[in-house]
Structure formats: structure tokens, C-alpha cells
């Protein structure tokens, strides 16, 4: 299994890839992964850049070594694939995309509906409450839809390639054109939503009005994609994993942005977010939910999973 991991900070992805390699090979001091393992291919991309999203999907389709060479590295959403049916004609060996996880996003405790203009750190009056809404929706909604649309288009190209005379001839000769498994599961796109996509918190701890509105929109987009797939008779699956508070740096960044926008200092809005992390979900809890959704039998579709910390009173 090859996972193409995309984010804006390539250095973080390269460190992750190295850590996974060390675990698999046992060079990191542990026992290593003896089950055949896999690897991570780092890819720098920003989901608010349409061209970057298109390049990401194209790289996921191409032969891995070629993709590595083009990035100058070891070769974001996260996209998993295996050797199989062609979807990029120029590559020597193609990869069928099996799973896409769309998890890029930003949050802000700012961006209320009736909030006054928000000054930028430079003092410019051009940064306003509406600018926060545009930033959040550009990443959380438009970026997610771009990733989802690109993934579904790639799934369809894979299906079309697998049905070509060339693929039929390869199958007759004994070659595998279904991605490495005799009964490959229907490809799946899992979108990471939020508990904020089901309700709006007045405390601001969940990311503010703009964030909550964006996650409501994401939930609607995923449902629309599901209906479109069924109306088209396609077997591809989409699903939404909506976690509550997760113990990650997401809220630390959000709190820092709030303090900076309000004039700096250690106080200000969002200051209590980091202290709540001890009660948050482990990121591995979210990963387990994604895996459960992606590996469900083809006879069913796990469309949404809502996760809360067991300590949550919400």
C-alpha cells in the first residue's frame, strides 16, 4: 500500500514518512512492521489552490517512483492506492486509487455573524470579519469539494480503464487489473467533518460561527455527492467522519490566530482551548473511524460516523 500524504508543510510530511519507514523496517528501535507494511509519499499541496489539488490527484494516479522524482523527494488529504488499472496513460505502471481522506481545514474562534471588523496583525483595515469567513470557507468548503470532485473523477477513470480492451486482454493473460485484490472493495472518499457540523456552540470553543457554518456545508456536500453517485449508478462510496474535540495542534493554532488578531499577548479569545485538549479524542480514534468506514462491505455504506470523547457532556 502506498499513501500519498498531502499538506502545505512538506517538511512535516517528510518527517512522518521517515517515521513510518523506521517503524516498518524496524530501524527506529521498535520491532517494526512485519506484515508487508507500506510507505508514505510526501506531496506539498494547498487545497485552496485548484491547480495543486488537480496535481495531487494526478500524482496519486501515476507510477510512484515517477511521482517521487517530480517532487524531488522520497516518493493531503491522504490518498491510498495499489498497483492496478491505468488512469494516467503516460505512466509505465499505474496505480488505482482505493481511498481518499479529505481532512484539510482551518478554524477560527473569530468570524461571528455580527462580530465587528477584525484587525490584522499588521494593523491593516482590509482584514475584517468577512475575511475570516472567506478564509474558512475557501479551505473547509471549496477545498473539500475540489478534493472530493477530483477523487470521484479519478474513481470513474479507474473504472473506465479497467473496462478497456487492453485491460481485458491483461486480465485474460493473468495480470491483475483490480488493484492487488481479487475482489477489490469499492473505492471510497472519506471527508473529515466536525461535531460543529451538527450544532453551533456559543462558547467559541468549537471554532466559531464561520467554522460551524463551513462544517454544515461540508456535510451537505458529502450527502449531495452520495445522491449523485447513486443517481449515476456508480458503486463508489463517500462518507463523513465528524469528530468532536481532538487532541491536536489544530486548536492551538486557532487560539494563536485569535490572540494575534486581537493584538497579541497570552490572553484573549481561544486561550482556554489548549487546556481542554486533555479531554479530546486521540487522533488515532479518528483514524480508526476512517478505516472502519473505508473497509465496510460493499453491500453497505457507512455514511456518517459521529465521534465524541467519552468525557464529553455535549
C-alpha atoms as a PDB file:
ATOM      1  CA  UNK A   1       0.000   0.000   0.000  1.00  0.00           C
ATOM      2  CA  UNK A   2       1.249   3.448  -0.917  1.00  0.00           C
ATOM      3  CA  UNK A   3      -0.185   6.531   0.778  1.00  0.00           C
ATOM      4  CA  UNK A   4       0.244   9.900  -0.896  1.00  0.00           C
ATOM      5  CA  UNK A   5       0.108  12.362   2.008  1.00  0.00           C
ATOM      6  CA  UNK A   6      -0.516  15.990   1.111  1.00  0.00           C
ATOM      7  CA  UNK A   7      -0.233  19.136   3.201  1.00  0.00           C
ATOM      8  CA  UNK A   8       1.220  22.603   2.909  1.00  0.00           C
ATOM      9  CA  UNK A   9       4.303  21.857   5.038  1.00  0.00           C
ATOM     10  CA  UNK A  10       6.443  19.359   3.167  1.00  0.00           C
ATOM     11  CA  UNK A  11       8.984  19.094   5.987  1.00  0.00           C
ATOM     12  CA  UNK A  12       6.335  17.743   8.349  1.00  0.00           C
ATOM     13  CA  UNK A  13       5.282  15.145   5.785  1.00  0.00           C
ATOM     14  CA  UNK A  14       8.857  14.053   5.168  1.00  0.00           C
ATOM     15  CA  UNK A  15       9.368  13.570   8.905  1.00  0.00           C
ATOM     16  CA  UNK A  16       6.181  11.491   9.031  1.00  0.00           C
ATOM     17  CA  UNK A  17       7.305   9.377   6.079  1.00  0.00           C
ATOM     18  CA  UNK A  18      10.676   8.757   7.735  1.00  0.00           C
ATOM     19  CA  UNK A  19       8.992   7.711  10.984  1.00  0.00           C
ATOM     20  CA  UNK A  20       6.713   5.270   9.182  1.00  0.00           C
ATOM     21  CA  UNK A  21       9.655   3.814   7.247  1.00  0.00           C
ATOM     22  CA  UNK A  22      11.548   3.337  10.501  1.00  0.00           C
ATOM     23  CA  UNK A  23       8.605   1.547  12.078  1.00  0.00           C
ATOM     24  CA  UNK A  24       8.125  -0.738   9.087  1.00  0.00           C
ATOM     25  CA  UNK A  25      11.791  -1.638   8.729  1.00  0.00           C
ATOM     26  CA  UNK A  26      12.449  -1.807  12.447  1.00  0.00           C
ATOM     27  CA  UNK A  27      15.263   0.762  12.240  1.00  0.00           C
ATOM     28  CA  UNK A  28      13.555   3.083  14.673  1.00  0.00           C
ATOM     29  CA  UNK A  29      14.240   0.929  17.706  1.00  0.00           C
ATOM     30  CA  UNK A  30      10.923  -0.911  17.647  1.00  0.00           C
ATOM     31  CA  UNK A  31      10.021  -4.322  16.386  1.00  0.00           C
ATOM     32  CA  UNK A  32       9.000  -2.922  13.015  1.00  0.00           C
ATOM     33  CA  UNK A  33       6.073  -3.812  10.823  1.00  0.00           C
ATOM     34  CA  UNK A  34       6.368  -7.386   9.632  1.00  0.00           C
ATOM     35  CA  UNK A  35       3.062  -7.548   7.756  1.00  0.00           C
ATOM     36  CA  UNK A  36       4.411  -6.242   4.452  1.00  0.00           C
ATOM     37  CA  UNK A  37       3.851  -2.630   5.500  1.00  0.00           C
ATOM     38  CA  UNK A  38       3.600   0.233   3.087  1.00  0.00           C
ATOM     39  CA  UNK A  39       5.016   3.683   2.662  1.00  0.00           C
ATOM     40  CA  UNK A  40       4.135   7.350   2.595  1.00  0.00           C
ATOM     41  CA  UNK A  41       4.833   9.610  -0.369  1.00  0.00           C
ATOM     42  CA  UNK A  42       5.014  13.289   0.740  1.00  0.00           C
ATOM     43  CA  UNK A  43       3.350  15.828  -1.536  1.00  0.00           C
ATOM     44  CA  UNK A  44       3.147  19.574  -0.899  1.00  0.00           C
ATOM     45  CA  UNK A  45      -0.277  20.982  -1.760  1.00  0.00           C
ATOM     46  CA  UNK A  46      -2.782  23.603  -0.640  1.00  0.00           C
ATOM     47  CA  UNK A  47      -6.447  22.701  -1.125  1.00  0.00           C
ATOM     48  CA  UNK A  48      -7.328  26.347  -1.752  1.00  0.00           C
ATOM     49  CA  UNK A  49      -5.267  26.130  -4.963  1.00  0.00           C
ATOM     50  CA  UNK A  50      -7.291  24.343  -7.659  1.00  0.00           C
ATOM     51  CA  UNK A  51      -4.193  23.523  -9.701  1.00  0.00           C
ATOM     52  CA  UNK A  52      -2.495  21.999  -6.652  1.00  0.00           C
ATOM     53  CA  UNK A  53      -5.492  19.741  -5.989  1.00  0.00           C
ATOM     54  CA  UNK A  54      -5.522  18.621  -9.627  1.00  0.00           C
ATOM     55  CA  UNK A  55      -1.788  17.894  -9.462  1.00  0.00           C
ATOM     56  CA  UNK A  56      -2.295  15.905  -6.270  1.00  0.00           C
ATOM     57  CA  UNK A  57      -4.948  13.671  -7.828  1.00  0.00           C
ATOM     58  CA  UNK A  58      -2.814  13.209 -10.945  1.00  0.00           C
ATOM     59  CA  UNK A  59       0.210  12.253  -8.831  1.00  0.00           C
ATOM     60  CA  UNK A  60      -1.881   9.671  -6.996  1.00  0.00           C
ATOM     61  CA  UNK A  61      -2.698   8.052 -10.333  1.00  0.00           C
ATOM     62  CA  UNK A  62       0.846   7.895 -11.636  1.00  0.00           C
ATOM     63  CA  UNK A  63       3.557   5.360 -11.049  1.00  0.00           C
ATOM     64  CA  UNK A  64       5.022   6.135  -7.634  1.00  0.00           C
ATOM     65  CA  UNK A  65       8.702   6.401  -8.497  1.00  0.00           C
ATOM     66  CA  UNK A  66       7.894   8.942 -11.191  1.00  0.00           C
ATOM     67  CA  UNK A  67       5.856  10.967  -8.716  1.00  0.00           C
ATOM     68  CA  UNK A  68       8.756  10.917  -6.251  1.00  0.00           C
ATOM     69  CA  UNK A  69      11.196  12.129  -8.872  1.00  0.00           C
ATOM     70  CA  UNK A  70       8.898  15.005  -9.842  1.00  0.00           C
ATOM     71  CA  UNK A  71       8.728  16.123  -6.194  1.00  0.00           C
ATOM     72  CA  UNK A  72      12.444  15.716  -5.592  1.00  0.00           C
ATOM     73  CA  UNK A  73      11.792  13.565  -2.556  1.00  0.00           C
ATOM     74  CA  UNK A  74      11.199  10.049  -1.342  1.00  0.00           C
ATOM     75  CA  UNK A  75       8.481   9.500  -3.342  1.00  0.00           C
ATOM     76  CA  UNK A  76      -3.415  15.506   1.992  1.00  0.00           C
ATOM     77  CA  UNK A  77      -5.592  14.887   2.276  1.00  0.00           C
ATOM     78  CA  UNK A  78      -4.225  11.365   2.154  1.00  0.00           C
ATOM     79  CA  UNK A  79      -4.676   9.116  -0.843  1.00  0.00           C
ATOM     80  CA  UNK A  80      -4.098   5.385  -0.742  1.00  0.00           C
ATOM     81  CA  UNK A  81      -3.602   3.191  -3.760  1.00  0.00           C
ATOM     82  CA  UNK A  82      -2.213  -0.033  -5.108  1.00  0.00           C
ATOM     83  CA  UNK A  83      -0.890  -1.228  -8.442  1.00  0.00           C
ATOM     84  CA  UNK A  84      -3.683  -1.745 -10.921  1.00  0.00           C
ATOM     85  CA  UNK A  85      -5.806  -0.283 -13.669  1.00  0.00           C
ATOM     86  CA  UNK A  86      -4.462   2.684 -15.594  1.00  0.00           C
ATOM     87  CA  UNK A  87      -5.831   6.171 -15.097  1.00  0.00           C
ATOM     88  CA  UNK A  88      -2.814   8.144 -16.348  1.00  0.00           C
ATOM     89  CA  UNK A  89      -1.853   6.893 -19.824  1.00  0.00           C
ATOM     90  CA  UNK A  90       1.729   8.200 -19.852  1.00  0.00           C
ATOM     91  CA  UNK A  91       2.946   6.231 -16.832  1.00  0.00           C
ATOM     92  CA  UNK A  92       4.667   2.860 -17.168  1.00  0.00           C
ATOM     93  CA  UNK A  93       2.876   1.429 -14.163  1.00  0.00           C
ATOM     94  CA  UNK A  94      -0.370   2.889 -12.877  1.00  0.00           C
ATOM     95  CA  UNK A  95      -1.992   2.980  -9.511  1.00  0.00           C
ATOM     96  CA  UNK A  96      -5.648   2.591  -8.732  1.00  0.00           C
ATOM     97  CA  UNK A  97      -6.842   4.956  -6.022  1.00  0.00           C
ATOM     98  CA  UNK A  98      -8.607   2.980  -3.306  1.00  0.00           C
ATOM     99  CA  UNK A  99      -9.181   5.604  -0.634  1.00  0.00           C
ATOM    100  CA  UNK A 100      -9.109   9.386  -0.384  1.00  0.00           C
ATOM    101  CA  UNK A 101      -9.272  11.102   3.000  1.00  0.00           C
ATOM    102  CA  UNK A 102     -10.099  14.813   2.758  1.00  0.00           C
ATOM    103  CA  UNK A 103      -9.062  16.319   6.073  1.00  0.00           C
ATOM    104  CA  UNK A 104      -7.568  19.729   5.279  1.00  0.00           C
ATOM    105  CA  UNK A 105      -9.190  22.658   7.002  1.00  0.00           C
ATOM    106  CA  UNK A 106      -8.807  25.790   9.101  1.00  0.00           C
ATOM    107  CA  UNK A 107     -10.647  27.085  12.122  1.00  0.00           C
ATOM    108  CA  UNK A 108     -11.174  30.419  13.798  1.00  0.00           C
ATOM    109  CA  UNK A 109     -12.802  31.489  17.038  1.00  0.00           C
ATOM    110  CA  UNK A 110     -13.378  34.745  15.188  1.00  0.00           C
ATOM    111  CA  UNK A 111     -15.852  35.070  12.337  1.00  0.00           C
ATOM    112  CA  UNK A 112     -19.146  35.573  14.121  1.00  0.00           C
ATOM    113  CA  UNK A 113     -22.212  36.789  12.262  1.00  0.00           C
ATOM    114  CA  UNK A 114     -22.462  40.181  13.973  1.00  0.00           C
ATOM    115  CA  UNK A 115     -18.828  40.471  15.032  1.00  0.00           C
ATOM    116  CA  UNK A 116     -17.109  43.824  14.407  1.00  0.00           C
ATOM    117  CA  UNK A 117     -14.234  44.086  11.893  1.00  0.00           C
ATOM    118  CA  UNK A 118     -11.182  42.088  12.967  1.00  0.00           C
ATOM    119  CA  UNK A 119      -7.859  43.961  12.651  1.00  0.00           C
ATOM    120  CA  UNK A 120      -4.931  42.133  11.090  1.00  0.00           C
ATOM    121  CA  UNK A 121      -1.581  41.779  12.864  1.00  0.00           C
ATOM    122  CA  UNK A 122      -0.195  44.482  10.551  1.00  0.00           C
ATOM    123  CA  UNK A 123      -2.915  46.919  11.557  1.00  0.00           C
ATOM    124  CA  UNK A 124      -4.450  46.973   8.087  1.00  0.00           C
ATOM    125  CA  UNK A 125      -8.171  47.677   7.977  1.00  0.00           C
ATOM    126  CA  UNK A 126      -8.531  45.327   4.973  1.00  0.00           C
ATOM    127  CA  UNK A 127      -8.837  42.320   7.298  1.00  0.00           C
ATOM    128  CA  UNK A 128     -12.419  42.052   8.505  1.00  0.00           C
ATOM    129  CA  UNK A 129     -14.922  39.653   9.911  1.00  0.00           C
ATOM    130  CA  UNK A 130     -15.945  38.717   6.360  1.00  0.00           C
ATOM    131  CA  UNK A 131     -12.320  37.972   5.522  1.00  0.00           C
ATOM    132  CA  UNK A 132     -12.374  35.304   8.218  1.00  0.00           C
ATOM    133  CA  UNK A 133     -15.475  33.758   6.659  1.00  0.00           C
ATOM    134  CA  UNK A 134     -13.852  33.750   3.217  1.00  0.00           C
ATOM    135  CA  UNK A 135     -10.667  32.134   4.542  1.00  0.00           C
ATOM    136  CA  UNK A 136     -12.548  29.407   6.411  1.00  0.00           C
ATOM    137  CA  UNK A 137     -14.927  28.616   3.551  1.00  0.00           C
ATOM    138  CA  UNK A 138     -12.128  28.617   0.950  1.00  0.00           C
ATOM    139  CA  UNK A 139     -10.315  25.801   2.753  1.00  0.00           C
ATOM    140  CA  UNK A 140     -13.088  23.925   4.522  1.00  0.00           C
ATOM    141  CA  UNK A 141     -15.796  24.004   1.857  1.00  0.00           C
ATOM    142  CA  UNK A 142     -14.339  24.827  -1.572  1.00  0.00           C
ATOM    143  CA  UNK A 143     -11.113  22.928  -0.890  1.00  0.00           C
ATOM    144  CA  UNK A 144     -13.023  19.891   0.342  1.00  0.00           C
ATOM    145  CA  UNK A 145     -15.369  19.926  -2.649  1.00  0.00           C
ATOM    146  CA  UNK A 146     -12.376  20.231  -5.012  1.00  0.00           C
ATOM    147  CA  UNK A 147     -10.729  17.212  -3.376  1.00  0.00           C
ATOM    148  CA  UNK A 148     -13.969  15.227  -3.368  1.00  0.00           C
ATOM    149  CA  UNK A 149     -14.709  16.039  -7.013  1.00  0.00           C
ATOM    150  CA  UNK A 150     -11.173  15.137  -8.077  1.00  0.00           C
ATOM    151  CA  UNK A 151     -11.314  11.858  -6.182  1.00  0.00           C
ATOM    152  CA  UNK A 152     -14.635  10.794  -7.685  1.00  0.00           C
ATOM    153  CA  UNK A 153     -13.440  11.679 -11.194  1.00  0.00           C
ATOM    154  CA  UNK A 154     -10.327   9.531 -10.617  1.00  0.00           C
ATOM    155  CA  UNK A 155     -12.501   6.643  -9.410  1.00  0.00           C
ATOM    156  CA  UNK A 156     -14.514   6.828 -12.631  1.00  0.00           C
ATOM    157  CA  UNK A 157     -11.379   6.951 -14.792  1.00  0.00           C
ATOM    158  CA  UNK A 158     -10.069   3.881 -12.992  1.00  0.00           C
ATOM    159  CA  UNK A 159     -13.309   2.033 -13.712  1.00  0.00           C
ATOM    160  CA  UNK A 160     -13.237   3.069 -17.355  1.00  0.00           C
ATOM    161  CA  UNK A 161      -9.604   1.983 -17.735  1.00  0.00           C
ATOM    162  CA  UNK A 162     -10.356  -1.376 -16.145  1.00  0.00           C
ATOM    163  CA  UNK A 163     -13.082  -1.947 -18.725  1.00  0.00           C
ATOM    164  CA  UNK A 164     -10.914  -1.242 -21.787  1.00  0.00           C
ATOM    165  CA  UNK A 165      -9.900  -3.979 -24.267  1.00  0.00           C
ATOM    166  CA  UNK A 166      -6.305  -3.596 -23.081  1.00  0.00           C
ATOM    167  CA  UNK A 167      -7.340  -4.325 -19.516  1.00  0.00           C
ATOM    168  CA  UNK A 168      -9.487  -7.246 -20.636  1.00  0.00           C
ATOM    169  CA  UNK A 169      -6.539  -8.711 -22.521  1.00  0.00           C
ATOM    170  CA  UNK A 170      -4.283  -8.236 -19.498  1.00  0.00           C
ATOM    171  CA  UNK A 171      -6.807  -9.984 -17.280  1.00  0.00           C
ATOM    172  CA  UNK A 172      -7.057 -12.855 -19.762  1.00  0.00           C
ATOM    173  CA  UNK A 173      -3.275 -13.185 -19.586  1.00  0.00           C
ATOM    174  CA  UNK A 174      -3.425 -13.424 -15.821  1.00  0.00           C
ATOM    175  CA  UNK A 175      -2.493  -9.857 -14.939  1.00  0.00           C
ATOM    176  CA  UNK A 176      -4.192  -8.156 -12.017  1.00  0.00           C
ATOM    177  CA  UNK A 177      -6.125  -5.068 -13.054  1.00  0.00           C
ATOM    178  CA  UNK A 178      -8.203  -4.617  -9.913  1.00  0.00           C
ATOM    179  CA  UNK A 179      -5.681  -3.157  -7.529  1.00  0.00           C
ATOM    180  CA  UNK A 180      -3.988  -6.146  -5.981  1.00  0.00           C
ATOM    181  CA  UNK A 181      -7.012  -7.974  -4.564  1.00  0.00           C
ATOM    182  CA  UNK A 182      -9.298 -10.471  -6.320  1.00  0.00           C
ATOM    183  CA  UNK A 183     -12.396  -8.698  -5.035  1.00  0.00           C
ATOM    184  CA  UNK A 184     -11.217  -5.145  -4.542  1.00  0.00           C
ATOM    185  CA  UNK A 185     -13.581  -3.048  -2.436  1.00  0.00           C
ATOM    186  CA  UNK A 186     -15.381  -0.129  -3.993  1.00  0.00           C
ATOM    187  CA  UNK A 187     -13.159   2.947  -3.767  1.00  0.00           C
ATOM    188  CA  UNK A 188     -14.113   5.340  -1.003  1.00  0.00           C
ATOM    189  CA  UNK A 189     -13.693   9.021  -0.212  1.00  0.00           C
ATOM    190  CA  UNK A 190     -13.896   9.878   3.487  1.00  0.00           C
ATOM    191  CA  UNK A 191     -14.335  13.527   4.411  1.00  0.00           C
ATOM    192  CA  UNK A 192     -13.417  14.743   7.876  1.00  0.00           C
ATOM    193  CA  UNK A 193     -16.219  16.933   9.146  1.00  0.00           C
ATOM    194  CA  UNK A 194     -16.836  18.032  12.702  1.00  0.00           C
ATOM    195  CA  UNK A 195     -19.286  17.894  15.552  1.00  0.00           C
ATOM    196  CA  UNK A 196     -19.641  21.589  14.722  1.00  0.00           C
ATOM    197  CA  UNK A 197     -21.352  20.466  11.530  1.00  0.00           C
ATOM    198  CA  UNK A 198     -24.282  19.273  13.640  1.00  0.00           C
ATOM    199  CA  UNK A 199     -24.659  22.130  16.078  1.00  0.00           C
ATOM    200  CA  UNK A 200     -23.358  25.640  16.787  1.00  0.00           C
ATOM    201  CA  UNK A 201     -21.574  26.347  20.056  1.00  0.00           C
ATOM    202  CA  UNK A 202     -21.980  29.725  21.724  1.00  0.00           C
ATOM    203  CA  UNK A 203     -18.690  29.333  23.599  1.00  0.00           C
ATOM    204  CA  UNK A 204     -16.456  29.650  20.544  1.00  0.00           C
ATOM    205  CA  UNK A 205     -14.516  26.585  21.681  1.00  0.00           C
ATOM    206  CA  UNK A 206     -15.691  24.682  18.613  1.00  0.00           C
ATOM    207  CA  UNK A 207     -14.326  27.208  16.167  1.00  0.00           C
ATOM    208  CA  UNK A 208     -16.865  29.984  15.933  1.00  0.00           C
ATOM    209  CA  UNK A 209     -19.788  30.630  13.617  1.00  0.00           C
ATOM    210  CA  UNK A 210     -17.770  30.610  10.395  1.00  0.00           C
ATOM    211  CA  UNK A 211     -16.231  27.243  11.234  1.00  0.00           C
ATOM    212  CA  UNK A 212     -19.569  25.709  12.237  1.00  0.00           C
ATOM    213  CA  UNK A 213     -21.235  27.011   9.086  1.00  0.00           C
ATOM    214  CA  UNK A 214     -18.443  25.594   6.938  1.00  0.00           C
ATOM    215  CA  UNK A 215     -18.790  22.154   8.502  1.00  0.00           C
ATOM    216  CA  UNK A 216     -22.559  22.200   7.997  1.00  0.00           C
ATOM    217  CA  UNK A 217     -21.833  22.950   4.330  1.00  0.00           C
ATOM    218  CA  UNK A 218     -19.343  20.070   4.147  1.00  0.00           C
ATOM    219  CA  UNK A 219     -21.964  17.657   5.484  1.00  0.00           C
ATOM    220  CA  UNK A 220     -24.394  18.834   2.806  1.00  0.00           C
ATOM    221  CA  UNK A 221     -21.750  18.447   0.080  1.00  0.00           C
ATOM    222  CA  UNK A 222     -20.998  14.865   1.112  1.00  0.00           C
ATOM    223  CA  UNK A 223     -24.690  13.967   1.100  1.00  0.00           C
ATOM    224  CA  UNK A 224     -25.091  15.606  -2.320  1.00  0.00           C
ATOM    225  CA  UNK A 225     -22.152  13.561  -3.642  1.00  0.00           C
ATOM    226  CA  UNK A 226     -23.722  10.359  -2.317  1.00  0.00           C
ATOM    227  CA  UNK A 227     -27.015  11.124  -4.057  1.00  0.00           C
ATOM    228  CA  UNK A 228     -25.235  11.980  -7.306  1.00  0.00           C
ATOM    229  CA  UNK A 229     -23.312   8.690  -7.230  1.00  0.00           C
ATOM    230  CA  UNK A 230     -26.451   6.644  -6.643  1.00  0.00           C
ATOM    231  CA  UNK A 231     -28.354   8.501  -9.376  1.00  0.00           C
ATOM    232  CA  UNK A 232     -25.499   7.694 -11.775  1.00  0.00           C
ATOM    233  CA  UNK A 233     -25.450   4.027 -10.822  1.00  0.00           C
ATOM    234  CA  UNK A 234     -21.841   4.213  -9.600  1.00  0.00           C
ATOM    235  CA  UNK A 235     -20.589   1.942  -6.826  1.00  0.00           C
ATOM    236  CA  UNK A 236     -18.145   4.430  -5.353  1.00  0.00           C
ATOM    237  CA  UNK A 237     -18.723   5.429  -1.762  1.00  0.00           C
ATOM    238  CA  UNK A 238     -18.453   8.662   0.196  1.00  0.00           C
ATOM    239  CA  UNK A 239     -18.670   9.163   3.921  1.00  0.00           C
ATOM    240  CA  UNK A 240     -18.324  11.744   6.658  1.00  0.00           C
ATOM    241  CA  UNK A 241     -16.424  11.291   9.914  1.00  0.00           C
ATOM    242  CA  UNK A 242     -17.414  14.046  12.351  1.00  0.00           C
ATOM    243  CA  UNK A 243     -15.238  14.176  15.468  1.00  0.00           C
ATOM    244  CA  UNK A 244     -15.685  16.397  18.472  1.00  0.00           C
ATOM    245  CA  UNK A 245     -12.674  17.888  20.188  1.00  0.00           C
ATOM    246  CA  UNK A 246      -9.446  16.196  19.042  1.00  0.00           C
ATOM    247  CA  UNK A 247      -6.164  16.481  20.925  1.00  0.00           C
ATOM    248  CA  UNK A 248      -4.089  18.068  18.181  1.00  0.00           C
ATOM    249  CA  UNK A 249      -2.362  21.346  17.385  1.00  0.00           C
ATOM    250  CA  UNK A 250      -5.411  22.488  15.387  1.00  0.00           C
ATOM    251  CA  UNK A 251      -6.888  24.352  18.357  1.00  0.00           C
ATOM    252  CA  UNK A 252      -3.517  25.720  19.444  1.00  0.00           C
ATOM    253  CA  UNK A 253      -3.118  27.333  16.026  1.00  0.00           C
ATOM    254  CA  UNK A 254      -6.677  28.638  16.181  1.00  0.00           C
ATOM    255  CA  UNK A 255      -6.084  30.199  19.606  1.00  0.00           C
ATOM    256  CA  UNK A 256      -2.816  31.766  18.449  1.00  0.00           C
ATOM    257  CA  UNK A 257      -4.544  33.327  15.429  1.00  0.00           C
ATOM    258  CA  UNK A 258      -7.228  34.780  17.691  1.00  0.00           C
ATOM    259  CA  UNK A 259      -4.683  36.323  20.057  1.00  0.00           C
ATOM    260  CA  UNK A 260      -2.674  37.747  17.154  1.00  0.00           C
ATOM    261  CA  UNK A 261      -5.731  39.284  15.510  1.00  0.00           C
ATOM    262  CA  UNK A 262      -6.794  40.874  18.789  1.00  0.00           C
ATOM    263  CA  UNK A 263      -3.469  42.487  19.476  1.00  0.00           C
ATOM    264  CA  UNK A 264      -1.204  39.716  20.714  1.00  0.00           C
ATOM    265  CA  UNK A 265      -0.415  38.629  24.237  1.00  0.00           C
ATOM    266  CA  UNK A 266      -1.178  35.429  26.075  1.00  0.00           C
ATOM    267  CA  UNK A 267      -4.793  36.330  26.844  1.00  0.00           C
ATOM    268  CA  UNK A 268      -7.740  36.809  24.530  1.00  0.00           C
ATOM    269  CA  UNK A 269     -10.229  34.582  22.834  1.00  0.00           C
ATOM    270  CA  UNK A 270      -9.397  30.940  22.447  1.00  0.00           C
ATOM    271  CA  UNK A 271      -6.999  30.882  25.380  1.00  0.00           C
ATOM    272  CA  UNK A 272      -8.904  28.077  27.043  1.00  0.00           C
ATOM    273  CA  UNK A 273      -8.801  25.737  24.072  1.00  0.00           C
ATOM    274  CA  UNK A 274      -5.408  24.192  24.738  1.00  0.00           C
ATOM    275  CA  UNK A 275      -6.355  23.406  28.338  1.00  0.00           C
ATOM    276  CA  UNK A 276      -9.271  21.333  27.057  1.00  0.00           C
ATOM    277  CA  UNK A 277      -7.031  19.080  24.972  1.00  0.00           C
ATOM    278  CA  UNK A 278      -6.611  16.564  27.786  1.00  0.00           C
ATOM    279  CA  UNK A 279     -10.261  15.655  27.276  1.00  0.00           C
ATOM    280  CA  UNK A 280     -10.053  15.455  23.490  1.00  0.00           C
ATOM    281  CA  UNK A 281     -10.135  12.453  21.205  1.00  0.00           C
ATOM    282  CA  UNK A 282      -6.866  10.800  20.291  1.00  0.00           C
ATOM    283  CA  UNK A 283      -6.180  11.356  16.554  1.00  0.00           C
ATOM    284  CA  UNK A 284      -5.927   7.565  16.291  1.00  0.00           C
ATOM    285  CA  UNK A 285      -9.598   7.380  17.270  1.00  0.00           C
ATOM    286  CA  UNK A 286     -10.440   9.378  14.157  1.00  0.00           C
ATOM    287  CA  UNK A 287      -8.139   7.218  12.014  1.00  0.00           C
ATOM    288  CA  UNK A 288      -9.873   4.082  13.295  1.00  0.00           C
ATOM    289  CA  UNK A 289     -13.247   5.515  12.304  1.00  0.00           C
ATOM    290  CA  UNK A 290     -11.937   6.286   8.805  1.00  0.00           C
ATOM    291  CA  UNK A 291     -10.635   2.734   8.442  1.00  0.00           C
ATOM    292  CA  UNK A 292     -13.925   1.255   9.635  1.00  0.00           C
ATOM    293  CA  UNK A 293     -15.851   3.328   7.092  1.00  0.00           C
ATOM    294  CA  UNK A 294     -13.482   2.556   4.225  1.00  0.00           C
ATOM    295  CA  UNK A 295     -13.423  -1.193   4.837  1.00  0.00           C
ATOM    296  CA  UNK A 296     -17.159  -1.729   5.232  1.00  0.00           C
ATOM    297  CA  UNK A 297     -18.595  -4.456   2.978  1.00  0.00           C
ATOM    298  CA  UNK A 298     -19.671  -3.310  -0.472  1.00  0.00           C
ATOM    299  CA  UNK A 299     -23.249  -4.214   0.450  1.00  0.00           C
ATOM    300  CA  UNK A 300     -23.464  -1.273   2.840  1.00  0.00           C
ATOM    301  CA  UNK A 301     -22.372   2.319   3.083  1.00  0.00           C
ATOM    302  CA  UNK A 302     -21.359   3.800   6.406  1.00  0.00           C
ATOM    303  CA  UNK A 303     -22.266   7.335   5.521  1.00  0.00           C
ATOM    304  CA  UNK A 304     -21.515   9.180   8.749  1.00  0.00           C
ATOM    305  CA  UNK A 305     -19.696   8.484  11.994  1.00  0.00           C
ATOM    306  CA  UNK A 306     -20.045  10.938  14.866  1.00  0.00           C
ATOM    307  CA  UNK A 307     -17.263  10.761  17.483  1.00  0.00           C
ATOM    308  CA  UNK A 308     -17.231  12.362  20.901  1.00  0.00           C
ATOM    309  CA  UNK A 309     -14.751  11.944  23.761  1.00  0.00           C
ATOM    310  CA  UNK A 310     -16.296   9.717  26.413  1.00  0.00           C
ATOM    311  CA  UNK A 311     -15.818  12.586  28.868  1.00  0.00           C
ATOM    312  CA  UNK A 312     -17.934  14.951  26.755  1.00  0.00           C
ATOM    313  CA  UNK A 313     -21.194  16.213  28.228  1.00  0.00           C
ATOM    314  CA  UNK A 314     -22.347  17.649  24.889  1.00  0.00           C
END
